[in-house]
Protein backbone atom coordinates (compact mmCIF):
# COMPACT_ATOMS: atom_id res chain seq x y z
CA UNK A 1 0.13 -0.31 0.23
CA UNK A 2 1.28 3.40 -0.70
CA UNK A 3 1.36 6.44 1.68
CA UNK A 4 -2.13 7.64 0.94
CA UNK A 5 -4.03 4.19 1.90
CA UNK A 6 -1.72 3.56 5.10
CA UNK A 7 -2.86 7.46 5.84
CA UNK A 8 -6.71 6.41 5.37
CA UNK A 9 -6.99 3.60 7.28
CA UNK A 10 -4.97 4.98 9.95
CA UNK A 11 -7.56 7.99 10.12
CA UNK A 12 -10.15 5.31 10.06
CA UNK A 13 -8.86 3.55 12.91
CA UNK A 14 -8.47 6.59 14.95
CA UNK A 15 -12.30 7.20 14.13
CA UNK A 16 -13.07 3.95 14.89
CA UNK A 17 -11.51 4.55 18.48
CA UNK A 18 -14.24 7.26 19.25
CA UNK A 19 -16.76 4.96 18.08
CA UNK A 20 -15.62 2.34 20.52
CA UNK A 21 -15.17 4.90 22.94
CA UNK A 22 -19.36 5.34 22.65
CA UNK A 23 -19.92 1.92 22.60
CA UNK A 24 -17.43 1.65 26.03
CA UNK A 25 -19.80 4.58 27.33
CA UNK A 26 -22.78 2.63 27.10
CA UNK A 27 -21.43 -1.03 28.04
CA UNK A 28 -20.54 1.00 31.30
CA UNK A 29 -23.71 2.03 32.16
CA UNK A 30 -25.06 -1.50 31.68
CA UNK A 31 -22.24 -2.40 33.99
CA UNK A 32 -20.33 -4.70 31.22
CA UNK A 33 -17.14 -3.08 30.77
CA UNK A 34 -15.56 -6.27 28.67
CA UNK A 35 -18.08 -5.26 25.78
CA UNK A 36 -16.00 -2.77 23.61
CA UNK A 37 -12.84 -5.28 23.88
CA UNK A 38 -14.34 -8.17 22.90
CA UNK A 39 -16.18 -6.80 19.97
CA UNK A 40 -12.91 -5.08 18.57
CA UNK A 41 -11.68 -8.92 18.89
CA UNK A 42 -14.39 -10.79 17.64
CA UNK A 43 -14.73 -8.72 14.15
CA UNK A 44 -11.65 -6.84 14.25
CA UNK A 45 -13.88 -3.51 13.22
CA UNK A 46 -13.68 -4.80 9.66
CA UNK A 47 -17.47 -3.61 9.38
CA UNK A 48 -16.95 -0.28 11.05
CA UNK A 49 -14.03 0.02 8.67
CA UNK A 50 -16.16 -0.92 5.47
CA UNK A 51 -18.76 1.53 6.51
CA UNK A 52 -16.24 4.61 7.62
CA UNK A 53 -14.19 4.05 4.13
CA UNK A 54 -17.37 3.65 2.17
CA UNK A 55 -18.24 6.78 2.89
CA UNK A 56 -14.97 8.55 2.25
CA UNK A 57 -14.99 6.69 -1.07
CA UNK A 58 -18.44 8.71 -1.64
CA UNK A 59 -16.96 12.05 -0.84
CA UNK A 60 -18.60 12.28 3.03
CA UNK A 61 -16.29 13.85 5.28
CA UNK A 62 -18.90 14.43 8.25
CA UNK A 63 -19.29 13.14 12.03
CA UNK A 64 -22.44 10.76 11.09
CA UNK A 65 -20.09 8.37 9.74
CA UNK A 66 -18.97 8.11 13.52
CA UNK A 67 -22.35 7.75 14.74
CA UNK A 68 -23.21 5.00 12.14
CA UNK A 69 -20.21 3.16 12.82
CA UNK A 70 -20.91 3.07 16.88
CA UNK A 71 -24.67 1.83 16.11
CA UNK A 72 -23.26 -0.98 14.17
CA UNK A 73 -20.87 -2.06 16.95
CA UNK A 74 -24.13 -1.74 19.53
CA UNK A 75 -26.34 -3.90 17.44
CA UNK A 76 -23.59 -6.31 16.56
CA UNK A 77 -22.39 -6.67 19.92
CA UNK A 78 -26.24 -7.20 21.32
CA UNK A 79 -26.17 -10.16 18.98
CA UNK A 80 -22.71 -11.60 20.66
CA UNK A 81 -23.79 -11.60 23.96
CA UNK A 82 -27.54 -13.21 22.94
CA UNK A 83 -25.60 -15.53 20.63
CA UNK A 84 -23.26 -16.91 23.79
CA UNK A 85 -25.54 -17.57 25.81
CA UNK A 86 -27.88 -19.47 22.85
CA UNK A 87 -24.47 -21.57 22.72
CA UNK A 88 -23.94 -22.00 25.94
CA UNK A 89 -20.32 -20.39 25.25
CA UNK A 90 -18.32 -20.01 28.71
CA UNK A 91 -15.62 -18.01 26.80
CA UNK A 92 -14.80 -16.16 23.90
CA UNK A 93 -11.60 -14.69 22.44
CA UNK A 94 -9.63 -15.96 26.19
CA UNK A 95 -12.29 -13.84 28.03
CA UNK A 96 -15.28 -15.05 30.13
CA UNK A 97 -18.54 -14.05 28.62
CA UNK A 98 -20.88 -11.94 30.10
CA UNK A 99 -23.63 -14.06 31.13
CA UNK A 100 -21.03 -16.77 32.54
CA UNK A 101 -19.68 -14.15 34.67
CA UNK A 102 -23.46 -11.81 35.62
CA UNK A 103 -25.77 -14.61 34.52
CA UNK A 104 -27.81 -15.08 31.89
CA UNK A 105 -31.19 -12.31 33.28
CA UNK A 106 -28.58 -9.54 33.37
CA UNK A 107 -26.98 -10.61 29.78
CA UNK A 108 -30.21 -10.60 28.19
CA UNK A 109 -31.14 -7.39 29.05
CA UNK A 110 -27.89 -6.00 28.47
CA UNK A 111 -28.49 -7.56 24.91
CA UNK A 112 -31.81 -5.91 24.77
CA UNK A 113 -30.49 -2.40 26.01
CA UNK A 114 -28.07 -2.84 23.23
CA UNK A 115 -30.56 -2.90 20.82
CA UNK A 116 -32.73 -0.29 21.75
CA UNK A 117 -30.02 2.34 22.17
CA UNK A 118 -28.83 1.58 18.74
CA UNK A 119 -31.66 2.43 17.35
CA UNK A 120 -32.26 5.43 19.83
CA UNK A 121 -29.02 6.69 18.37
CA UNK A 122 -29.87 5.77 14.98
CA UNK A 123 -33.07 8.01 15.19
CA UNK A 124 -30.77 10.95 16.06
CA UNK A 125 -30.01 11.65 12.41
CA UNK A 126 -32.05 13.05 9.54
CA UNK A 127 -32.10 9.84 7.40
CA UNK A 128 -34.95 7.50 7.58
CA UNK A 129 -33.09 5.60 4.54
CA UNK A 130 -29.99 5.04 6.92
CA UNK A 131 -32.22 3.91 10.04
CA UNK A 132 -34.46 1.60 7.46
CA UNK A 133 -31.20 0.00 6.35
CA UNK A 134 -30.14 -0.56 9.63
CA UNK A 135 -33.65 -2.25 10.86
CA UNK A 136 -33.34 -4.32 8.03
CA UNK A 137 -29.87 -5.55 8.53
CA UNK A 138 -30.82 -6.28 12.24
CA UNK A 139 -33.65 -8.05 11.08
CA UNK A 140 -31.92 -10.37 8.88
CA UNK A 141 -29.48 -11.25 11.53
CA UNK A 142 -31.91 -12.15 13.99
CA UNK A 143 -33.74 -14.34 11.26
CA UNK A 144 -30.24 -15.96 10.27
CA UNK A 145 -29.63 -16.93 13.83
CA UNK A 146 -33.41 -18.51 14.35
CA UNK A 147 -32.55 -20.25 10.99
CA UNK A 148 -29.10 -21.56 12.55
CA UNK A 149 -31.13 -23.12 15.79
CA UNK A 150 -32.84 -25.34 13.36
CA UNK A 151 -29.88 -26.86 11.70
CA UNK A 152 -27.54 -26.81 15.03
CA UNK A 153 -27.03 -30.47 15.60
CA UNK A 154 -27.65 -31.25 12.28
CA UNK A 155 -24.41 -32.99 10.63
CA UNK A 156 -26.71 -32.99 7.14
CA UNK A 157 -27.10 -29.70 6.94
CA UNK A 158 -26.12 -28.82 3.21
CA UNK A 159 -23.83 -26.03 1.53
CA UNK A 160 -27.02 -23.95 0.24
CA UNK A 161 -28.69 -24.06 3.84
CA UNK A 162 -25.29 -22.78 5.53
CA UNK A 163 -24.59 -20.16 2.82
CA UNK A 164 -28.35 -18.87 3.94
CA UNK A 165 -27.01 -18.96 7.25
CA UNK A 166 -23.80 -17.00 6.36
CA UNK A 167 -25.72 -14.61 4.29
CA UNK A 168 -28.48 -13.60 6.94
CA UNK A 169 -26.22 -13.49 10.18
CA UNK A 170 -22.88 -11.76 8.72
CA UNK A 171 -22.80 -11.10 4.45
CA UNK A 172 -26.37 -8.09 5.09
CA UNK A 173 -24.55 -6.46 7.68
CA UNK A 174 -21.58 -5.90 5.64
CA UNK A 175 -23.54 -4.97 2.82
CA UNK A 176 -25.64 -2.93 4.73
CA UNK A 177 -22.43 -1.18 6.55
CA UNK A 178 -21.00 -0.29 2.97
CA UNK A 179 -24.51 0.76 1.41
CA UNK A 180 -24.73 3.20 4.71
CA UNK A 181 -21.38 5.03 3.42
CA UNK A 182 -22.84 5.28 0.12
CA UNK A 183 -25.73 7.12 1.15
CA UNK A 184 -23.98 8.86 3.56
CA UNK A 185 -21.70 10.80 0.66
CA UNK A 186 -22.44 10.92 -3.09
CA UNK A 187 -23.06 7.98 -5.36
CA UNK A 188 -24.98 6.84 -8.65
CA UNK A 189 -27.44 3.88 -8.52
CA UNK A 190 -24.48 2.23 -10.09
CA UNK A 191 -21.71 3.01 -7.14
CA UNK A 192 -24.53 2.31 -4.38
CA UNK A 193 -25.17 -1.69 -5.75
CA UNK A 194 -21.14 -1.62 -5.98
CA UNK A 195 -20.85 -1.28 -2.90
CA UNK A 196 -23.51 -3.28 -1.47
CA UNK A 197 -22.31 -6.02 -3.57
CA UNK A 198 -18.51 -5.54 -2.30
CA UNK A 199 -19.84 -5.60 1.35
CA UNK A 200 -21.93 -8.77 0.86
CA UNK A 201 -18.90 -10.60 -0.81
CA UNK A 202 -16.85 -9.34 1.89
CA UNK A 203 -19.01 -10.64 4.63
CA UNK A 204 -19.21 -14.24 3.36
CA UNK A 205 -15.42 -14.28 2.65
CA UNK A 206 -15.04 -13.01 6.36
CA UNK A 207 -17.32 -15.55 7.54
CA UNK A 208 -15.88 -19.01 5.69
CA UNK A 209 -12.68 -17.69 6.92
CA UNK A 210 -13.67 -17.68 10.22
CA UNK A 211 -15.14 -21.19 9.75
CA UNK A 212 -11.65 -22.38 8.57
CA UNK A 213 -9.51 -20.78 11.46
CA UNK A 214 -11.89 -22.87 13.71
CA UNK A 215 -9.67 -25.84 12.36
CA UNK A 216 -6.62 -24.90 11.48
CA UNK A 217 -5.66 -21.90 13.76
CA UNK A 218 -3.44 -21.75 16.77
CA UNK A 219 -5.63 -21.63 19.91
CA UNK A 220 -3.84 -18.97 21.56
CA UNK A 221 -3.87 -16.33 18.48
CA UNK A 222 -7.66 -17.53 17.40
CA UNK A 223 -8.58 -16.71 21.45
CA UNK A 224 -10.95 -19.48 22.00
CA UNK A 225 -11.41 -23.32 21.95
CA UNK A 226 -10.45 -25.18 18.70
CA UNK A 227 -13.19 -26.98 17.63
CA UNK A 228 -15.88 -24.95 19.10
CA UNK A 229 -18.37 -24.85 16.37
CA UNK A 230 -18.44 -28.65 16.56
CA UNK A 231 -18.77 -28.60 20.01
CA UNK A 232 -21.98 -25.84 19.90
CA UNK A 233 -23.81 -28.20 17.11
CA UNK A 234 -22.35 -26.04 14.09
CA UNK A 235 -21.70 -27.81 11.18
CA UNK A 236 -19.71 -25.55 8.84
CA UNK A 237 -18.61 -25.22 5.37
CA UNK A 238 -15.05 -27.17 5.24
CA UNK A 239 -17.25 -30.33 7.18
CA UNK A 240 -19.99 -29.85 4.75
CA UNK A 241 -17.45 -29.92 2.03
CA UNK A 242 -15.64 -33.16 4.06
CA UNK A 243 -19.31 -35.15 4.34
CA UNK A 244 -19.65 -34.63 -0.01
CA UNK A 245 -16.44 -36.49 -0.10
CA UNK A 246 -17.25 -39.34 2.23
CA UNK A 247 -19.45 -41.96 3.43
CA UNK A 248 -22.22 -42.67 6.59
CA UNK A 249 -19.05 -43.59 8.75
CA UNK A 250 -17.69 -39.87 8.72
CA UNK A 251 -21.71 -38.30 8.60
CA UNK A 252 -21.90 -40.50 12.12
CA UNK A 253 -18.71 -39.48 13.37
CA UNK A 254 -19.46 -35.88 13.03
CA UNK A 255 -23.12 -36.21 14.15
CA UNK A 256 -21.97 -37.68 17.27
CA UNK A 257 -19.88 -34.63 18.08
CA UNK A 258 -22.51 -32.18 17.25
CA UNK A 259 -25.26 -34.53 19.39
CA UNK A 260 -22.85 -34.76 22.51
CA UNK A 261 -21.20 -31.23 22.16
CA UNK A 262 -17.93 -33.61 23.41
CA UNK A 263 -14.77 -34.15 20.61
CA UNK A 264 -11.63 -35.84 22.09
CA UNK A 265 -7.91 -34.91 21.00
CA UNK A 266 -8.04 -38.48 19.18
CA UNK A 267 -11.39 -37.45 17.39
CA UNK A 268 -9.71 -34.06 16.72
CA UNK A 269 -7.03 -35.08 14.94
CA UNK A 270 -9.04 -37.79 13.09
CA UNK A 271 -11.35 -35.12 11.77
CA UNK A 272 -8.32 -32.78 11.09
CA UNK A 273 -6.72 -35.42 8.89
CA UNK A 274 -9.98 -36.17 7.06
CA UNK A 275 -9.87 -32.55 6.24
CA UNK A 276 -6.22 -32.15 5.01
CA UNK A 277 -6.56 -35.30 2.90
CA UNK A 278 -9.61 -34.70 1.16
CA UNK A 279 -9.07 -30.81 0.78
CA UNK A 280 -11.52 -29.58 2.37
CA UNK A 281 -9.74 -26.99 4.09
CA UNK A 282 -8.23 -26.21 0.73
CA UNK A 283 -11.32 -25.77 -0.95
CA UNK A 284 -13.01 -23.74 1.63
CA UNK A 285 -10.45 -21.30 1.69
CA UNK A 286 -10.84 -20.82 -2.15
CA UNK A 287 -14.57 -20.31 -1.61
CA UNK A 288 -13.51 -17.24 0.53
CA UNK A 289 -10.83 -16.28 -1.90
CA UNK A 290 -13.35 -16.00 -4.75
CA UNK A 291 -15.43 -13.66 -2.86
CA UNK A 292 -13.05 -11.45 -1.92
CA UNK A 293 -12.17 -11.10 -5.54
CA UNK A 294 -15.62 -10.42 -6.29
CA UNK A 295 -16.13 -7.94 -4.04
CA UNK A 296 -12.81 -6.36 -5.28
CA UNK A 297 -14.06 -6.54 -8.72
CA UNK A 298 -16.77 -4.68 -7.90
CA UNK A 299 -15.48 -1.73 -6.71
CA UNK A 300 -12.82 -1.30 -9.44
CA UNK A 301 -15.80 -1.50 -12.11
CA UNK A 302 -17.81 1.56 -10.38
CA UNK A 303 -15.19 3.50 -8.84
CA UNK A 304 -11.97 5.43 -10.14
CA UNK A 305 -8.75 4.80 -8.68
CA UNK A 306 -8.51 6.81 -5.15
CA UNK A 307 -6.73 5.94 -2.17
CA UNK A 308 -10.08 5.09 -0.51
CA UNK A 309 -10.66 2.49 -3.11
CA UNK A 310 -7.38 1.07 -2.76
CA UNK A 311 -7.93 0.84 1.49
CA UNK A 312 -11.20 -1.13 0.58
CA UNK A 313 -9.38 -3.87 -1.89
CA UNK A 314 -6.93 -3.76 0.81
CA UNK A 315 -9.70 -4.45 3.53
CA UNK A 316 -10.66 -7.44 1.22
CA UNK A 317 -7.09 -8.71 1.37
CA UNK A 318 -6.89 -8.63 4.92
CA UNK A 319 -9.59 -10.75 5.20
CA UNK A 320 -8.64 -13.38 3.89
CA UNK A 321 -5.07 -13.05 5.39
CA UNK A 322 -6.09 -13.03 9.35
CA UNK A 323 -5.00 -15.89 11.46
CA UNK A 324 -8.08 -14.76 13.89
């Protein structure tokens, strides 16, 4: 990256620290000081960067980008605290989850508070289009969580069913953030669509990489127990691709894990060996690269070269190269 792109990313990071300040302030009111750091480590501020750099790409330089980035942080954090209760997760990124520390009753109310607070913040601006988009993203995320619950513990989940979960829980949020940037600035309909498609494909790439890391990342770097997805009953893309190539014995093995929520070190080594032998990890990662490439192509086709455009292109490269 040249100096202009590095400067842009740095400025976005500074702006995000302000959004994080707003988030930590509200979290403090709710008695949950862990929220700001946990969110940052869970989604490395990628969605916020998408929103802020998309707005800059469309010529916006005002303060509403920070406000909307903070709103997105609230919404995403609300889904995280509720997800941890549903999944029964005791730790996340090496830290105790809120419900493990304070109980489910307080944590449910915290998530509710963040949802309502995010909408209250969103309504302080004069653009109902942005508010509608934020509401739509939130509804899709909740629908995705509900749909995922119907597939939890099901080793026969199809690839199309899994991608429907990814689209609703992650991709639409990324797409919405990119489109909010377009709404804040000045853009043509073609450019707005291009940014939405950029975010949508980037979100899919991000989630696929997340799925892959559960099987290949170093536990200390990832910050959560390896194999957590299977123990929580979630069969993700690497295992789906594996099961497409293997027989009922492997399906029974996976079904036993997602049903019991237990996996021994020996069984885990067997699964990793099967994934490697059948090329399932490489195949899943190739899908992530494909979607990241699509994201970049949408930008390159709709916007002239600029530090802002190159910053978003670099963000797509980061998403597929991260290790946590």
